[in-house]
N, C-alpha and C. Protein backbone atom coordinates (compact mmCIF):
# COMPACT_ATOMS: atom_id res chain seq x y z
N MET A 1 145.01 118.61 55.86
CA MET A 1 145.05 120.02 55.16
C MET A 1 143.84 120.40 54.97
N ASP A 2 143.55 121.79 55.35
CA ASP A 2 142.17 122.79 54.75
C ASP A 2 142.75 123.22 53.74
N LEU A 3 141.79 122.65 52.60
CA LEU A 3 141.90 122.99 50.93
C LEU A 3 141.64 124.65 51.09
N THR A 4 140.73 125.23 51.93
CA THR A 4 140.40 126.53 51.75
C THR A 4 141.77 127.57 52.06
N GLU A 5 142.50 126.90 53.09
CA GLU A 5 143.61 127.42 53.39
C GLU A 5 145.25 127.40 53.13
N ASP A 6 145.01 125.83 52.43
CA ASP A 6 146.33 125.57 52.31
C ASP A 6 146.69 125.41 50.81
N VAL A 7 145.56 126.01 49.99
CA VAL A 7 146.04 125.86 48.31
C VAL A 7 146.14 127.51 48.13
N GLU A 8 147.19 127.80 47.45
CA GLU A 8 147.34 128.96 46.96
C GLU A 8 148.01 128.98 45.14
N PRO A 9 147.88 130.00 44.52
CA PRO A 9 148.30 130.02 43.20
C PRO A 9 149.66 130.47 43.44
N VAL A 10 150.29 130.35 42.24
CA VAL A 10 151.93 130.36 42.03
C VAL A 10 152.03 131.92 42.34
N THR A 11 151.08 132.85 41.85
CA THR A 11 151.28 134.56 41.99
C THR A 11 151.18 134.77 43.52
N THR A 12 150.65 134.07 44.38
CA THR A 12 151.09 134.31 45.83
C THR A 12 152.23 133.87 46.38
N LEU A 13 152.51 132.82 45.87
CA LEU A 13 154.03 132.31 46.15
C LEU A 13 155.17 133.50 45.63
N LYS A 14 155.20 134.22 44.36
CA LYS A 14 155.99 134.95 44.06
C LYS A 14 155.71 136.21 44.54
N ARG A 15 154.70 136.39 44.88
CA ARG A 15 154.60 137.56 45.75
C ARG A 15 154.97 137.87 47.21
N SER A 16 154.84 136.46 47.90
CA SER A 16 154.57 136.40 49.42
C SER A 16 155.43 135.23 49.92
N ALA A 17 156.35 134.81 49.16
CA ALA A 17 157.16 133.68 49.46
C ALA A 17 157.36 133.32 51.07
N ALA A 18 158.12 134.55 51.83
CA ALA A 18 158.36 134.08 52.80
C ALA A 18 157.16 133.92 53.93
N GLU A 19 155.96 134.46 53.52
CA GLU A 19 155.00 134.39 54.25
C GLU A 19 154.03 132.89 54.12
N LEU A 20 154.37 132.33 52.76
CA LEU A 20 154.12 131.13 53.01
C LEU A 20 154.95 130.11 53.32
N ILE A 21 156.13 130.44 53.50
CA ILE A 21 157.10 129.38 54.03
C ILE A 21 156.71 129.46 55.81
N THR A 22 156.68 130.59 56.27
CA THR A 22 156.31 130.57 57.30
C THR A 22 155.08 130.25 57.74
N ARG A 23 154.11 129.91 57.09
CA ARG A 23 152.97 129.50 57.36
C ARG A 23 153.28 127.98 57.32
N ALA A 24 153.75 127.49 56.51
CA ALA A 24 153.69 126.10 56.30
C ALA A 24 154.70 125.41 57.59
N THR A 25 155.67 126.44 58.20
CA THR A 25 156.62 125.94 59.10
C THR A 25 155.70 126.12 60.52
N GLU A 26 155.19 126.82 60.51
CA GLU A 26 154.17 127.19 61.85
C GLU A 26 153.03 126.02 62.01
N ARG A 27 152.32 125.78 60.72
CA ARG A 27 151.21 124.65 60.87
C ARG A 27 151.95 123.62 60.53
N HIS A 28 152.99 123.42 60.15
CA HIS A 28 153.55 121.97 59.80
C HIS A 28 152.53 121.41 58.77
N SER A 29 152.23 121.95 58.20
CA SER A 29 151.23 121.76 56.97
C SER A 29 151.57 121.88 55.60
N PRO A 30 151.75 121.08 54.57
CA PRO A 30 151.90 121.76 53.32
C PRO A 30 150.86 122.39 52.73
N ILE A 31 151.27 123.12 51.63
CA ILE A 31 150.84 123.92 51.14
C ILE A 31 150.67 123.66 49.56
N VAL A 32 149.71 123.58 48.51
CA VAL A 32 149.67 123.51 47.37
C VAL A 32 149.66 124.54 46.71
N ILE A 33 150.62 124.75 45.77
CA ILE A 33 150.80 125.99 44.87
C ILE A 33 149.78 125.15 43.37
N THR A 34 149.25 125.92 42.70
CA THR A 34 148.29 125.83 41.55
C THR A 34 149.01 126.53 40.84
N GLN A 35 149.03 126.36 39.61
CA GLN A 35 148.70 127.13 38.19
C GLN A 35 147.87 127.15 37.58
N ASN A 36 147.77 128.27 37.08
CA ASN A 36 146.33 127.78 35.93
C ASN A 36 145.21 126.96 36.77
N GLY A 37 145.03 127.11 37.96
CA GLY A 37 143.82 126.64 38.98
C GLY A 37 144.05 125.06 38.75
N LYS A 38 145.30 124.46 38.34
CA LYS A 38 145.73 123.00 38.89
C LYS A 38 146.77 122.74 39.51
N PRO A 39 146.92 121.85 40.61
CA PRO A 39 147.79 121.93 41.59
C PRO A 39 149.06 121.19 40.75
N THR A 40 150.21 121.84 41.37
CA THR A 40 151.64 121.85 40.44
C THR A 40 152.46 121.16 41.23
N ALA A 41 152.56 121.98 42.85
CA ALA A 41 153.88 121.92 43.52
C ALA A 41 153.00 121.73 44.68
N VAL A 42 154.21 121.22 45.78
CA VAL A 42 153.77 121.36 47.22
C VAL A 42 155.07 122.31 48.24
N LEU A 43 154.50 122.94 48.89
CA LEU A 43 155.48 123.74 49.82
C LEU A 43 155.53 122.95 51.06
N GLN A 44 156.40 122.91 51.74
CA GLN A 44 156.38 122.33 52.70
C GLN A 44 157.27 122.29 53.70
N ASP A 45 157.66 122.59 55.03
CA ASP A 45 158.68 122.69 55.93
C ASP A 45 159.50 121.74 55.96
N VAL A 46 160.77 121.60 56.54
CA VAL A 46 162.05 120.92 56.24
C VAL A 46 161.58 119.76 57.34
N ALA A 47 161.48 120.18 58.53
CA ALA A 47 160.70 119.05 59.57
C ALA A 47 159.94 118.25 59.40
N SER A 48 158.83 118.95 58.79
CA SER A 48 157.86 117.73 57.90
C SER A 48 157.94 116.79 57.05
N TYR A 49 158.77 117.60 56.07
CA TYR A 49 159.50 116.87 55.24
C TYR A 49 160.23 115.82 55.77
N GLU A 50 161.21 116.17 56.60
CA GLU A 50 162.21 114.72 57.07
C GLU A 50 161.47 113.69 57.91
N ARG A 51 160.43 113.75 58.62
CA ARG A 51 159.61 112.91 59.20
C ARG A 51 158.77 112.35 58.20
N GLN A 52 158.32 112.96 57.15
CA GLN A 52 157.68 112.12 56.30
C GLN A 52 158.70 111.16 55.51
N ARG A 53 159.93 111.43 55.51
CA ARG A 53 160.87 110.78 54.75
C ARG A 53 161.17 109.68 55.49
N ARG A 54 161.60 110.05 56.77
CA ARG A 54 161.85 108.74 57.65
C ARG A 54 160.38 107.48 57.91
N ALA A 55 159.18 108.00 58.11
CA ALA A 55 158.22 107.13 57.71
C ALA A 55 158.19 106.53 56.83
N LEU A 56 158.44 107.17 55.55
CA LEU A 56 158.41 105.98 54.43
C LEU A 56 159.43 105.30 54.14
N HIS A 57 160.50 105.67 54.56
CA HIS A 57 161.35 104.62 54.76
C HIS A 57 161.09 103.42 55.72
N LEU A 58 160.74 104.10 56.78
CA LEU A 58 160.29 102.76 57.80
C LEU A 58 159.06 101.64 57.07
N LEU A 59 158.32 102.60 56.51
CA LEU A 59 157.35 101.51 55.79
C LEU A 59 157.84 100.53 54.78
N LYS A 60 159.09 101.18 53.95
CA LYS A 60 159.65 100.21 53.22
C LYS A 60 160.15 99.03 53.61
N LEU A 61 160.77 99.38 55.05
CA LEU A 61 161.66 98.38 55.64
C LEU A 61 160.66 97.03 56.18
N ILE A 62 159.19 97.78 56.45
CA ILE A 62 158.36 97.05 57.23
C ILE A 62 158.05 96.09 55.80
N ALA A 63 157.92 96.75 54.70
CA ALA A 63 157.31 95.79 53.69
C ALA A 63 158.46 94.99 52.91
N GLN A 64 159.84 95.24 53.09
CA GLN A 64 160.74 94.60 53.13
C GLN A 64 160.71 92.89 54.30
N GLY A 65 160.51 93.22 55.12
CA GLY A 65 160.53 92.26 55.81
C GLY A 65 159.24 91.31 55.83
N ASP A 66 158.26 91.90 55.40
CA ASP A 66 156.99 91.30 54.66
C ASP A 66 157.33 90.21 53.93
N ARG A 67 157.70 90.86 52.96
CA ARG A 67 158.39 89.95 51.47
C ARG A 67 159.15 88.84 52.25
N ASP A 68 160.12 89.20 52.98
CA ASP A 68 161.21 88.16 53.45
C ASP A 68 160.65 86.82 53.95
N HIS A 69 159.63 87.80 54.92
CA HIS A 69 158.91 86.50 55.68
C HIS A 69 158.05 85.37 54.67
N ASP A 70 157.66 86.10 53.53
CA ASP A 70 156.44 85.58 53.03
C ASP A 70 157.35 84.57 52.10
N ALA A 71 158.53 84.75 51.59
CA ALA A 71 159.27 84.20 51.08
C ALA A 71 160.36 82.97 51.98
N GLY A 72 159.98 82.98 53.02
CA GLY A 72 160.76 82.22 54.02
C GLY A 72 162.45 82.28 54.54
N ARG A 73 162.33 83.52 54.22
CA ARG A 73 163.67 84.33 54.78
C ARG A 73 163.80 84.41 55.82
N VAL A 74 163.85 83.46 57.37
CA VAL A 74 163.45 83.86 58.46
C VAL A 74 164.46 82.88 59.00
N HIS A 75 164.80 83.41 60.24
CA HIS A 75 165.67 82.86 61.43
C HIS A 75 164.81 82.52 62.70
N ASP A 76 164.97 81.44 63.63
CA ASP A 76 164.32 81.44 64.35
C ASP A 76 165.51 82.03 65.84
N LEU A 77 164.87 82.61 66.84
CA LEU A 77 165.51 83.25 67.72
C LEU A 77 166.68 82.73 68.24
N ASP A 78 166.89 81.39 68.55
CA ASP A 78 168.10 80.86 68.85
C ASP A 78 169.00 80.80 68.04
N ALA A 79 168.85 80.57 66.75
CA ALA A 79 169.79 80.87 65.45
C ALA A 79 170.58 82.08 65.42
N VAL A 80 169.28 83.18 65.70
CA VAL A 80 169.94 84.69 65.78
C VAL A 80 170.96 84.54 66.89
N ASP A 81 170.46 84.49 68.29
CA ASP A 81 171.42 84.48 69.44
C ASP A 81 172.60 83.83 69.21
N ALA A 82 172.65 82.54 68.89
CA ALA A 82 173.67 81.86 68.63
C ALA A 82 174.80 82.68 67.62
N ALA A 83 174.17 83.10 66.78
CA ALA A 83 175.29 84.01 65.50
C ALA A 83 175.82 85.25 65.98
N VAL A 84 174.97 85.80 66.98
CA VAL A 84 175.55 87.10 67.47
C VAL A 84 176.28 87.00 68.78
N ARG A 85 176.13 86.00 69.09
CA ARG A 85 176.99 85.69 70.58
C ARG A 85 178.33 85.06 69.75
N GLY A 86 178.39 84.36 68.83
CA GLY A 86 179.26 84.20 68.17
C GLY A 86 180.24 85.24 67.78
N ARG A 87 179.86 86.13 66.91
CA ARG A 87 180.31 87.39 66.27
C ARG A 87 180.81 88.16 67.65
N LEU A 88 180.19 88.30 68.38
CA LEU A 88 180.52 89.31 69.67
C LEU A 88 182.00 88.19 70.16
N ALA A 89 182.01 87.01 70.43
CA ALA A 89 183.35 86.45 70.81
C ALA A 89 184.44 86.79 70.37
N ALA A 90 184.24 86.54 69.09
CA ALA A 90 185.09 86.34 67.80
C ALA A 90 185.75 88.03 68.01
N HIS A 91 184.89 89.05 68.14
CA HIS A 91 185.32 90.59 68.21
C HIS A 91 186.10 91.00 69.39
N ARG A 92 185.31 90.06 70.71
CA ARG A 92 186.12 90.04 72.00
C ARG A 92 187.53 89.61 71.74
N ASP A 93 188.07 88.16 70.98
CA ASP A 93 189.22 87.54 70.85
C ASP A 93 190.08 88.64 69.95
N ARG A 94 189.41 89.09 69.20
CA ARG A 94 190.64 90.00 68.42
C ARG A 94 191.04 91.28 68.88
N ALA A 95 190.14 91.52 69.60
CA ALA A 95 190.81 93.26 70.66
C ALA A 95 191.71 92.68 71.84
């Protein structure tokens, strides 16, 4: 983020919202909105927001996996393979 170009006062948002939205969308870079010289909000394009949410979700899953591993909640490959094959066989038998 370029702090000289990606920080705008709330008055600019009020006056030129469409322009700021276009800029955020084209650059895929958030714009920090300030009030009284202090950062108070962020304007971000939807595609970047969605990528950020997916990345955060993935990081949460990785952290949960690390906690499970540390707590000993793990299975070896042979046990998982056997369980999956058993479920697939049971599913095929029902069909």
